[in-house]
Amino acid sequence: MALRQTYELYLHKDGEPPRFEPYTCLDEVELLGAMRRMIAEHSLQSVEAWRLGEQVMVLAG
């Protein structure tokens, strides 16, 4: 059984401070899909994903 991982997401939108949002998923493939959806749905400039104090990935819109 795979363990779920919780990531710290920082959502960046022009003219606003970054917004923190936790996200729990099974793997980084699922995380990437969620980040893409967030960028499209919320018109974000970028999303940063962190886990245990280390940056995992950044996705720009």
PDB file of N, CA and C in Angstrom:
ATOM      1  N   MET A   1       0.841  -1.182   0.000  1.00  0.00           N
ATOM      2  CA  MET A   1       0.000   0.000   0.000  1.00  0.00           C
ATOM      3  C   MET A   1       0.885   1.245   0.000  1.00  0.00           C
ATOM      4  N   ALA A   2       0.640   2.130  -0.945  1.00  0.00           N
ATOM      5  CA  ALA A   2       1.428   3.357  -1.062  1.00  0.00           C
ATOM      6  C   ALA A   2       0.974   4.381  -0.018  1.00  0.00           C
ATOM      7  N   LEU A   3       1.934   5.077   0.516  1.00  0.00           N
ATOM      8  CA  LEU A   3       1.632   6.133   1.483  1.00  0.00           C
ATOM      9  C   LEU A   3       1.392   7.443   0.755  1.00  0.00           C
ATOM     10  N   ARG A   4       0.447   8.185   1.251  1.00  0.00           N
ATOM     11  CA  ARG A   4       0.188   9.511   0.678  1.00  0.00           C
ATOM     12  C   ARG A   4       1.210  10.498   1.225  1.00  0.00           C
ATOM     13  N   GLN A   5       1.542  11.474   0.397  1.00  0.00           N
ATOM     14  CA  GLN A   5       2.496  12.517   0.768  1.00  0.00           C
ATOM     15  C   GLN A   5       1.761  13.859   0.779  1.00  0.00           C
ATOM     16  N   THR A   6       2.105  14.704   1.730  1.00  0.00           N
ATOM     17  CA  THR A   6       1.522  16.041   1.775  1.00  0.00           C
ATOM     18  C   THR A   6       2.579  17.048   1.333  1.00  0.00           C
ATOM     19  N   TYR A   7       2.176  17.888   0.399  1.00  0.00           N
ATOM     20  CA  TYR A   7       3.059  18.921  -0.152  1.00  0.00           C
ATOM     21  C   TYR A   7       2.550  20.289   0.259  1.00  0.00           C
ATOM     22  N   GLU A   8       3.470  21.232   0.335  1.00  0.00           N
ATOM     23  CA  GLU A   8       3.131  22.624   0.612  1.00  0.00           C
ATOM     24  C   GLU A   8       3.134  23.339  -0.734  1.00  0.00           C
ATOM     25  N   LEU A   9       1.971  23.791  -1.175  1.00  0.00           N
ATOM     26  CA  LEU A   9       1.881  24.495  -2.447  1.00  0.00           C
ATOM     27  C   LEU A   9       1.788  25.988  -2.191  1.00  0.00           C
ATOM     28  N   TYR A  10       2.490  26.751  -3.004  1.00  0.00           N
ATOM     29  CA  TYR A  10       2.431  28.209  -2.954  1.00  0.00           C
ATOM     30  C   TYR A  10       1.945  28.679  -4.310  1.00  0.00           C
ATOM     31  N   LEU A  11       0.740  29.237  -4.322  1.00  0.00           N
ATOM     32  CA  LEU A  11       0.083  29.663  -5.541  1.00  0.00           C
ATOM     33  C   LEU A  11       0.373  31.142  -5.771  1.00  0.00           C
ATOM     34  N   HIS A  12       0.939  31.457  -6.931  1.00  0.00           N
ATOM     35  CA  HIS A  12       1.325  32.825  -7.265  1.00  0.00           C
ATOM     36  C   HIS A  12       0.385  33.391  -8.331  1.00  0.00           C
ATOM     37  N   LYS A  13      -0.180  34.556  -8.018  1.00  0.00           N
ATOM     38  CA  LYS A  13      -1.064  35.262  -8.939  1.00  0.00           C
ATOM     39  C   LYS A  13      -0.586  36.707  -9.003  1.00  0.00           C
ATOM     40  N   ASP A  14      -0.567  37.278 -10.214  1.00  0.00           N
ATOM     41  CA  ASP A  14      -0.090  38.654 -10.387  1.00  0.00           C
ATOM     42  C   ASP A  14      -0.747  39.617  -9.406  1.00  0.00           C
ATOM     43  N   GLY A  15       0.071  40.427  -8.755  1.00  0.00           N
ATOM     44  CA  GLY A  15      -0.428  41.475  -7.877  1.00  0.00           C
ATOM     45  C   GLY A  15      -0.890  41.007  -6.510  1.00  0.00           C
ATOM     46  N   GLU A  16      -0.714  39.740  -6.198  1.00  0.00           N
ATOM     47  CA  GLU A  16      -1.146  39.206  -4.898  1.00  0.00           C
ATOM     48  C   GLU A  16       0.010  38.469  -4.234  1.00  0.00           C
ATOM     49  N   PRO A  17       0.029  38.446  -2.899  1.00  0.00           N
ATOM     50  CA  PRO A  17       1.057  37.648  -2.223  1.00  0.00           C
ATOM     51  C   PRO A  17       0.792  36.158  -2.468  1.00  0.00           C
ATOM     52  N   PRO A  18       1.824  35.315  -2.434  1.00  0.00           N
ATOM     53  CA  PRO A  18       1.614  33.871  -2.632  1.00  0.00           C
ATOM     54  C   PRO A  18       0.638  33.315  -1.600  1.00  0.00           C
ATOM     55  N   ARG A  19      -0.222  32.402  -2.050  1.00  0.00           N
ATOM     56  CA  ARG A  19      -1.206  31.782  -1.167  1.00  0.00           C
ATOM     57  C   ARG A  19      -0.775  30.342  -0.880  1.00  0.00           C
ATOM     58  N   PHE A  20      -0.741  29.965   0.389  1.00  0.00           N
ATOM     59  CA  PHE A  20      -0.367  28.616   0.800  1.00  0.00           C
ATOM     60  C   PHE A  20      -1.572  27.696   0.726  1.00  0.00           C
ATOM     61  N   GLU A  21      -1.338  26.489   0.216  1.00  0.00           N
ATOM     62  CA  GLU A  21      -2.387  25.481   0.195  1.00  0.00           C
ATOM     63  C   GLU A  21      -1.744  24.096   0.337  1.00  0.00           C
ATOM     64  N   PRO A  22      -2.117  23.326   1.344  1.00  0.00           N
ATOM     65  CA  PRO A  22      -1.582  21.956   1.457  1.00  0.00           C
ATOM     66  C   PRO A  22      -2.268  21.061   0.428  1.00  0.00           C
ATOM     67  N   TYR A  23      -1.540  20.053  -0.053  1.00  0.00           N
ATOM     68  CA  TYR A  23      -2.114  19.111  -1.010  1.00  0.00           C
ATOM     69  C   TYR A  23      -1.548  17.727  -0.720  1.00  0.00           C
ATOM     70  N   THR A  24      -2.424  16.743  -0.565  1.00  0.00           N
ATOM     71  CA  THR A  24      -2.021  15.368  -0.266  1.00  0.00           C
ATOM     72  C   THR A  24      -2.367  14.475  -1.446  1.00  0.00           C
ATOM     73  N   CYS A  25      -1.388  13.658  -1.872  1.00  0.00           N
ATOM     74  CA  CYS A  25      -1.593  12.779  -3.014  1.00  0.00           C
ATOM     75  C   CYS A  25      -0.668  11.568  -2.919  1.00  0.00           C
ATOM     76  N   LEU A  26      -0.805  10.651  -3.875  1.00  0.00           N
ATOM     77  CA  LEU A  26      -0.008   9.423  -3.866  1.00  0.00           C
ATOM     78  C   LEU A  26       1.395   9.598  -4.428  1.00  0.00           C
ATOM     79  N   ASP A  27       1.530  10.431  -5.486  1.00  0.00           N
ATOM     80  CA  ASP A  27       2.841  10.562  -6.130  1.00  0.00           C
ATOM     81  C   ASP A  27       2.961  11.902  -6.849  1.00  0.00           C
ATOM     82  N   GLU A  28       4.142  12.146  -7.418  1.00  0.00           N
ATOM     83  CA  GLU A  28       4.390  13.425  -8.079  1.00  0.00           C
ATOM     84  C   GLU A  28       3.641  13.559  -9.406  1.00  0.00           C
ATOM     85  N   VAL A  29       3.257  12.448 -10.016  1.00  0.00           N
ATOM     86  CA  VAL A  29       2.455  12.505 -11.243  1.00  0.00           C
ATOM     87  C   VAL A  29       1.085  13.104 -10.916  1.00  0.00           C
ATOM     88  N   GLU A  30       0.477  12.640  -9.839  1.00  0.00           N
ATOM     89  CA  GLU A  30      -0.802  13.184  -9.393  1.00  0.00           C
ATOM     90  C   GLU A  30      -0.652  14.652  -8.991  1.00  0.00           C
ATOM     91  N   LEU A  31       0.439  14.970  -8.327  1.00  0.00           N
ATOM     92  CA  LEU A  31       0.723  16.349  -7.920  1.00  0.00           C
ATOM     93  C   LEU A  31       0.812  17.265  -9.133  1.00  0.00           C
ATOM     94  N   LEU A  32       1.534  16.835 -10.160  1.00  0.00           N
ATOM     95  CA  LEU A  32       1.696  17.646 -11.372  1.00  0.00           C
ATOM     96  C   LEU A  32       0.346  17.929 -12.026  1.00  0.00           C
ATOM     97  N   GLY A  33      -0.518  16.921 -12.100  1.00  0.00           N
ATOM     98  CA  GLY A  33      -1.850  17.119 -12.666  1.00  0.00           C
ATOM     99  C   GLY A  33      -2.657  18.131 -11.873  1.00  0.00           C
ATOM    100  N   ALA A  34      -2.564  18.044 -10.551  1.00  0.00           N
ATOM    101  CA  ALA A  34      -3.288  18.990  -9.689  1.00  0.00           C
ATOM    102  C   ALA A  34      -2.753  20.414  -9.878  1.00  0.00           C
ATOM    103  N   MET A  35      -1.442  20.544  -9.987  1.00  0.00           N
ATOM    104  CA  MET A  35      -0.849  21.869 -10.183  1.00  0.00           C
ATOM    105  C   MET A  35      -1.304  22.469 -11.514  1.00  0.00           C
ATOM    106  N   ARG A  36      -1.359  21.659 -12.558  1.00  0.00           N
ATOM    107  CA  ARG A  36      -1.832  22.141 -13.868  1.00  0.00           C
ATOM    108  C   ARG A  36      -3.276  22.616 -13.782  1.00  0.00           C
ATOM    109  N   ARG A  37      -4.126  21.842 -13.099  1.00  0.00           N
ATOM    110  CA  ARG A  37      -5.534  22.235 -12.946  1.00  0.00           C
ATOM    111  C   ARG A  37      -5.658  23.549 -12.175  1.00  0.00           C
ATOM    112  N   MET A  38      -4.868  23.694 -11.100  1.00  0.00           N
ATOM    113  CA  MET A  38      -4.926  24.924 -10.301  1.00  0.00           C
ATOM    114  C   MET A  38      -4.549  26.144 -11.133  1.00  0.00           C
ATOM    115  N   ILE A  39      -3.504  26.010 -11.951  1.00  0.00           N
ATOM    116  CA  ILE A  39      -3.076  27.130 -12.802  1.00  0.00           C
ATOM    117  C   ILE A  39      -4.194  27.514 -13.763  1.00  0.00           C
ATOM    118  N   ALA A  40      -4.816  26.529 -14.389  1.00  0.00           N
ATOM    119  CA  ALA A  40      -5.882  26.797 -15.357  1.00  0.00           C
ATOM    120  C   ALA A  40      -7.135  27.361 -14.687  1.00  0.00           C
ATOM    121  N   GLU A  41      -7.556  26.772 -13.582  1.00  0.00           N
ATOM    122  CA  GLU A  41      -8.801  27.181 -12.926  1.00  0.00           C
ATOM    123  C   GLU A  41      -8.723  28.534 -12.242  1.00  0.00           C
ATOM    124  N   HIS A  42      -7.547  28.891 -11.728  1.00  0.00           N
ATOM    125  CA  HIS A  42      -7.408  30.125 -10.943  1.00  0.00           C
ATOM    126  C   HIS A  42      -6.564  31.193 -11.641  1.00  0.00           C
ATOM    127  N   SER A  43      -6.223  30.976 -12.912  1.00  0.00           N
ATOM    128  CA  SER A  43      -5.409  31.931 -13.694  1.00  0.00           C
ATOM    129  C   SER A  43      -4.141  32.325 -12.940  1.00  0.00           C
ATOM    130  N   LEU A  44      -3.406  31.318 -12.479  1.00  0.00           N
ATOM    131  CA  LEU A  44      -2.200  31.563 -11.690  1.00  0.00           C
ATOM    132  C   LEU A  44      -0.996  31.804 -12.589  1.00  0.00           C
ATOM    133  N   GLN A  45      -0.040  32.550 -12.052  1.00  0.00           N
ATOM    134  CA  GLN A  45       1.224  32.779 -12.737  1.00  0.00           C
ATOM    135  C   GLN A  45       2.115  31.546 -12.588  1.00  0.00           C
ATOM    136  N   SER A  46       2.140  30.961 -11.391  1.00  0.00           N
ATOM    137  CA  SER A  46       2.933  29.754 -11.145  1.00  0.00           C
ATOM    138  C   SER A  46       2.493  29.091  -9.842  1.00  0.00           C
ATOM    139  N   VAL A  47       2.946  27.844  -9.667  1.00  0.00           N
ATOM    140  CA  VAL A  47       2.713  27.096  -8.432  1.00  0.00           C
ATOM    141  C   VAL A  47       4.031  26.447  -8.032  1.00  0.00           C
ATOM    142  N   GLU A  48       4.426  26.647  -6.787  1.00  0.00           N
ATOM    143  CA  GLU A  48       5.615  25.992  -6.235  1.00  0.00           C
ATOM    144  C   GLU A  48       5.160  24.855  -5.341  1.00  0.00           C
ATOM    145  N   ALA A  49       5.848  23.720  -5.422  1.00  0.00           N
ATOM    146  CA  ALA A  49       5.555  22.584  -4.548  1.00  0.00           C
ATOM    147  C   ALA A  49       6.780  22.304  -3.687  1.00  0.00           C
ATOM    148  N   TRP A  50       6.567  22.228  -2.382  1.00  0.00           N
ATOM    149  CA  TRP A  50       7.623  21.950  -1.410  1.00  0.00           C
ATOM    150  C   TRP A  50       7.221  20.748  -0.576  1.00  0.00           C
ATOM    151  N   ARG A  51       8.205  20.004  -0.112  1.00  0.00           N
ATOM    152  CA  ARG A  51       7.956  18.881   0.794  1.00  0.00           C
ATOM    153  C   ARG A  51       9.146  18.747   1.732  1.00  0.00           C
ATOM    154  N   LEU A  52       8.875  18.752   3.026  1.00  0.00           N
ATOM    155  CA  LEU A  52       9.896  18.630   4.055  1.00  0.00           C
ATOM    156  C   LEU A  52      11.001  19.677   3.893  1.00  0.00           C
ATOM    157  N   GLY A  53      10.619  20.890   3.572  1.00  0.00           N
ATOM    158  CA  GLY A  53      11.554  21.994   3.477  1.00  0.00           C
ATOM    159  C   GLY A  53      12.374  22.060   2.208  1.00  0.00           C
ATOM    160  N   GLU A  54      12.086  21.198   1.233  1.00  0.00           N
ATOM    161  CA  GLU A  54      12.822  21.199  -0.036  1.00  0.00           C
ATOM    162  C   GLU A  54      11.845  21.420  -1.187  1.00  0.00           C
ATOM    163  N   GLN A  55      12.259  22.270  -2.122  1.00  0.00           N
ATOM    164  CA  GLN A  55      11.422  22.531  -3.284  1.00  0.00           C
ATOM    165  C   GLN A  55      11.422  21.309  -4.197  1.00  0.00           C
ATOM    166  N   VAL A  56      10.234  20.835  -4.525  1.00  0.00           N
ATOM    167  CA  VAL A  56      10.088  19.639  -5.363  1.00  0.00           C
ATOM    168  C   VAL A  56       9.976  20.032  -6.838  1.00  0.00           C
ATOM    169  N   MET A  57       9.126  21.026  -7.120  1.00  0.00           N
ATOM    170  CA  MET A  57       8.971  21.491  -8.498  1.00  0.00           C
ATOM    171  C   MET A  57       8.285  22.837  -8.533  1.00  0.00           C
ATOM    172  N   VAL A  58       8.436  23.516  -9.673  1.00  0.00           N
ATOM    173  CA  VAL A  58       7.751  24.782  -9.948  1.00  0.00           C
ATOM    174  C   VAL A  58       7.117  24.639 -11.314  1.00  0.00           C
ATOM    175  N   LEU A  59       5.857  25.022 -11.423  1.00  0.00           N
ATOM    176  CA  LEU A  59       5.148  24.954 -12.697  1.00  0.00           C
ATOM    177  C   LEU A  59       4.628  26.353 -13.002  1.00  0.00           C
ATOM    178  N   ALA A  60       4.985  26.872 -14.169  1.00  0.00           N
ATOM    179  CA  ALA A  60       4.551  28.207 -14.571  1.00  0.00           C
ATOM    180  C   ALA A  60       3.388  28.104 -15.550  1.00  0.00           C
ATOM    181  N   GLY A  61       2.492  29.093 -15.452  1.00  0.00           N
ATOM    182  CA  GLY A  61       1.311  29.100 -16.304  1.00  0.00           C
ATOM    183  C   GLY A  61       1.526  29.855 -17.589  1.00  0.00           C
TER     184      GLY A  61
END
